[in-house]
C-alpha cells in the first residue's frame, strides 16, 4: 500500500530518506540507534486517520464478490 507510507511520512513531518528504508537493519546492528531516529525537538504534523472505516455493507459485498465458493 504505497499511499500508506506517504501518509505516515506526511504526518510525521519527515522527508523520506534512504536510511529510513534500512532502519530495522540499523537498529538490529546497533539497538541504541533507535533513540536517534527522531530528534528530541522534532515536531510532527497533524495526526489524522490513515485508513477509513469499512462499513458492514462493504464487507458483505466484498465477501460476496471475492469470497469464492
N, C-alpha and C. Protein backbone atom coordinates (compact mmCIF):
# COMPACT_ATOMS: atom_id res chain seq x y z
N UNK A 1 0.84 -1.17 0.00
CA UNK A 1 0.00 0.00 0.00
C UNK A 1 0.90 1.25 0.00
N UNK A 2 1.30 1.67 -1.18
CA UNK A 2 2.24 2.79 -1.28
C UNK A 2 1.75 4.07 -0.63
N UNK A 3 0.47 4.33 -0.69
CA UNK A 3 -0.02 5.59 -0.13
C UNK A 3 0.07 5.60 1.40
N UNK A 4 0.10 4.42 2.03
CA UNK A 4 0.18 4.35 3.49
C UNK A 4 1.45 5.01 3.99
N UNK A 5 2.60 4.61 3.45
CA UNK A 5 3.86 5.17 3.94
C UNK A 5 3.96 6.66 3.64
N UNK A 6 3.42 7.10 2.49
CA UNK A 6 3.43 8.53 2.17
C UNK A 6 2.65 9.32 3.22
N UNK A 7 1.51 8.78 3.64
CA UNK A 7 0.70 9.47 4.66
C UNK A 7 1.41 9.49 6.01
N UNK A 8 2.09 8.40 6.34
CA UNK A 8 2.83 8.35 7.61
C UNK A 8 3.94 9.39 7.60
N UNK A 9 4.69 9.46 6.51
CA UNK A 9 5.77 10.46 6.42
C UNK A 9 5.20 11.87 6.50
N UNK A 10 4.08 12.11 5.85
CA UNK A 10 3.46 13.43 5.91
C UNK A 10 3.07 13.79 7.34
N UNK A 11 2.43 12.85 8.04
CA UNK A 11 2.01 13.11 9.41
C UNK A 11 3.20 13.26 10.35
N UNK A 12 4.27 12.55 10.07
CA UNK A 12 5.47 12.66 10.90
C UNK A 12 6.27 13.93 10.59
N UNK A 13 5.89 14.61 9.49
CA UNK A 13 6.60 15.82 9.07
C UNK A 13 8.05 15.49 8.73
N UNK A 14 8.21 14.38 7.98
CA UNK A 14 9.52 13.87 7.60
C UNK A 14 9.66 13.84 6.09
N UNK A 15 10.88 14.03 5.63
CA UNK A 15 11.22 13.79 4.24
C UNK A 15 11.82 12.39 4.19
N UNK A 16 11.32 11.58 3.29
CA UNK A 16 11.80 10.20 3.20
C UNK A 16 13.26 10.17 2.77
N UNK A 17 14.06 9.39 3.49
CA UNK A 17 15.49 9.26 3.20
C UNK A 17 15.87 7.79 3.09
N UNK A 18 16.99 7.53 2.49
CA UNK A 18 17.46 6.15 2.30
C UNK A 18 17.60 5.41 3.63
N UNK A 19 18.11 6.08 4.65
CA UNK A 19 18.32 5.38 5.94
C UNK A 19 17.00 4.93 6.57
N UNK A 20 15.89 5.54 6.19
CA UNK A 20 14.60 5.08 6.70
C UNK A 20 14.27 3.69 6.15
N UNK A 21 14.72 3.41 4.94
CA UNK A 21 14.44 2.12 4.30
C UNK A 21 15.17 0.98 5.00
N UNK A 22 16.26 1.30 5.67
CA UNK A 22 17.06 0.26 6.33
C UNK A 22 17.06 0.43 7.84
N UNK A 23 16.08 1.12 8.37
CA UNK A 23 16.05 1.41 9.81
C UNK A 23 16.08 0.14 10.66
N UNK A 24 15.33 -0.87 10.27
CA UNK A 24 15.29 -2.11 11.06
C UNK A 24 16.67 -2.75 11.10
N UNK A 25 17.33 -2.80 9.95
CA UNK A 25 18.69 -3.36 9.90
C UNK A 25 19.63 -2.57 10.81
N UNK A 26 19.53 -1.24 10.75
CA UNK A 26 20.39 -0.39 11.58
C UNK A 26 20.14 -0.65 13.06
N UNK A 27 18.88 -0.75 13.44
CA UNK A 27 18.54 -0.96 14.86
C UNK A 27 19.01 -2.34 15.33
N UNK A 28 18.88 -3.35 14.46
CA UNK A 28 19.35 -4.69 14.84
C UNK A 28 20.86 -4.71 15.05
N UNK A 29 21.58 -3.96 14.23
CA UNK A 29 23.04 -3.90 14.37
C UNK A 29 23.45 -3.07 15.58
N UNK A 30 22.69 -1.99 15.83
CA UNK A 30 23.02 -1.08 16.93
C UNK A 30 21.72 -0.61 17.59
N UNK A 31 21.23 -1.34 18.60
CA UNK A 31 19.94 -1.00 19.23
C UNK A 31 19.85 0.44 19.73
N UNK A 32 20.97 1.03 20.10
CA UNK A 32 20.93 2.42 20.59
C UNK A 32 20.55 3.41 19.48
N UNK A 33 20.72 3.02 18.23
CA UNK A 33 20.38 3.92 17.12
C UNK A 33 18.87 4.21 17.08
N UNK A 34 18.07 3.35 17.71
CA UNK A 34 16.63 3.58 17.78
C UNK A 34 16.31 4.96 18.36
N UNK A 35 17.08 5.37 19.36
CA UNK A 35 16.82 6.62 20.06
C UNK A 35 17.20 7.86 19.26
N UNK A 36 17.90 7.66 18.15
CA UNK A 36 18.28 8.82 17.33
C UNK A 36 17.48 8.90 16.03
N UNK A 37 16.50 8.02 15.85
CA UNK A 37 15.70 8.05 14.63
C UNK A 37 14.91 9.35 14.50
N UNK A 38 14.36 9.80 15.61
CA UNK A 38 13.58 11.05 15.63
C UNK A 38 14.26 11.99 16.63
N UNK A 39 14.72 13.14 16.17
CA UNK A 39 15.37 14.08 17.09
C UNK A 39 14.42 14.52 18.21
N UNK A 40 14.97 14.83 19.36
CA UNK A 40 14.16 15.19 20.53
C UNK A 40 13.27 16.40 20.28
N UNK A 41 13.69 17.34 19.45
CA UNK A 41 12.91 18.55 19.24
C UNK A 41 12.03 18.50 17.98
N UNK A 42 11.89 17.32 17.39
CA UNK A 42 11.12 17.19 16.14
C UNK A 42 9.63 17.43 16.40
N UNK A 43 9.01 18.22 15.55
CA UNK A 43 7.57 18.47 15.63
C UNK A 43 6.87 17.66 14.55
N UNK A 44 5.91 16.85 14.96
CA UNK A 44 5.17 16.06 13.99
C UNK A 44 4.10 16.92 13.33
N UNK A 45 3.56 16.44 12.22
CA UNK A 45 2.49 17.12 11.52
C UNK A 45 1.17 16.87 12.22
N UNK A 46 0.07 17.13 11.51
CA UNK A 46 -1.26 16.92 12.09
C UNK A 46 -1.68 15.46 11.96
N UNK A 47 -1.91 14.79 13.09
CA UNK A 47 -2.35 13.40 13.00
C UNK A 47 -3.79 13.32 12.51
N UNK A 48 -4.04 12.34 11.68
CA UNK A 48 -5.39 12.08 11.20
C UNK A 48 -5.46 10.62 10.79
N UNK A 49 -6.65 10.05 10.72
CA UNK A 49 -6.75 8.63 10.35
C UNK A 49 -6.13 8.36 8.98
N UNK A 50 -5.43 7.25 8.88
CA UNK A 50 -4.81 6.87 7.62
C UNK A 50 -5.74 5.96 6.83
N UNK A 51 -6.46 5.12 7.53
CA UNK A 51 -7.41 4.21 6.89
C UNK A 51 -8.83 4.65 7.21
N UNK A 52 -9.72 4.49 6.26
CA UNK A 52 -11.12 4.82 6.53
C UNK A 52 -11.82 3.60 7.10
N UNK A 53 -12.90 3.84 7.77
CA UNK A 53 -13.69 2.75 8.35
C UNK A 53 -14.38 1.98 7.22
N UNK A 54 -14.36 0.67 7.33
CA UNK A 54 -15.06 -0.16 6.35
C UNK A 54 -16.45 -0.44 6.90
N UNK A 55 -17.44 -0.05 6.13
CA UNK A 55 -18.83 -0.23 6.53
C UNK A 55 -19.22 -1.71 6.39
N UNK A 56 -20.14 -2.13 7.20
CA UNK A 56 -20.61 -3.52 7.20
C UNK A 56 -21.10 -3.93 5.81
N UNK A 57 -21.82 -3.02 5.14
CA UNK A 57 -22.35 -3.33 3.81
C UNK A 57 -21.22 -3.59 2.81
N UNK A 58 -20.13 -2.83 2.92
CA UNK A 58 -18.98 -3.03 2.04
C UNK A 58 -18.35 -4.40 2.28
N UNK A 59 -18.18 -4.75 3.56
CA UNK A 59 -17.57 -6.04 3.90
C UNK A 59 -18.41 -7.19 3.35
N UNK A 60 -19.72 -7.09 3.47
CA UNK A 60 -20.61 -8.13 2.96
C UNK A 60 -20.51 -8.22 1.44
N UNK A 61 -20.51 -7.06 0.78
CA UNK A 61 -20.42 -7.04 -0.69
C UNK A 61 -19.09 -7.60 -1.16
N UNK A 62 -17.99 -7.24 -0.50
CA UNK A 62 -16.67 -7.74 -0.89
C UNK A 62 -16.56 -9.24 -0.65
N UNK A 63 -17.15 -9.70 0.45
CA UNK A 63 -17.11 -11.14 0.74
C UNK A 63 -17.86 -11.90 -0.35
N UNK A 64 -18.98 -11.34 -0.77
CA UNK A 64 -19.77 -11.98 -1.83
C UNK A 64 -19.00 -11.93 -3.15
N UNK A 65 -18.38 -10.81 -3.45
CA UNK A 65 -17.68 -10.62 -4.71
C UNK A 65 -16.38 -11.42 -4.79
N UNK A 66 -15.61 -11.43 -3.69
CA UNK A 66 -14.27 -12.02 -3.73
C UNK A 66 -14.12 -13.28 -2.87
N UNK A 67 -15.15 -13.68 -2.16
CA UNK A 67 -15.05 -14.77 -1.22
C UNK A 67 -14.93 -16.16 -1.81
N UNK A 68 -15.29 -16.32 -3.03
CA UNK A 68 -15.22 -17.63 -3.62
C UNK A 68 -16.37 -18.50 -3.17
N UNK A 69 -16.21 -19.79 -3.40
CA UNK A 69 -17.32 -20.70 -3.08
C UNK A 69 -17.11 -21.42 -1.80
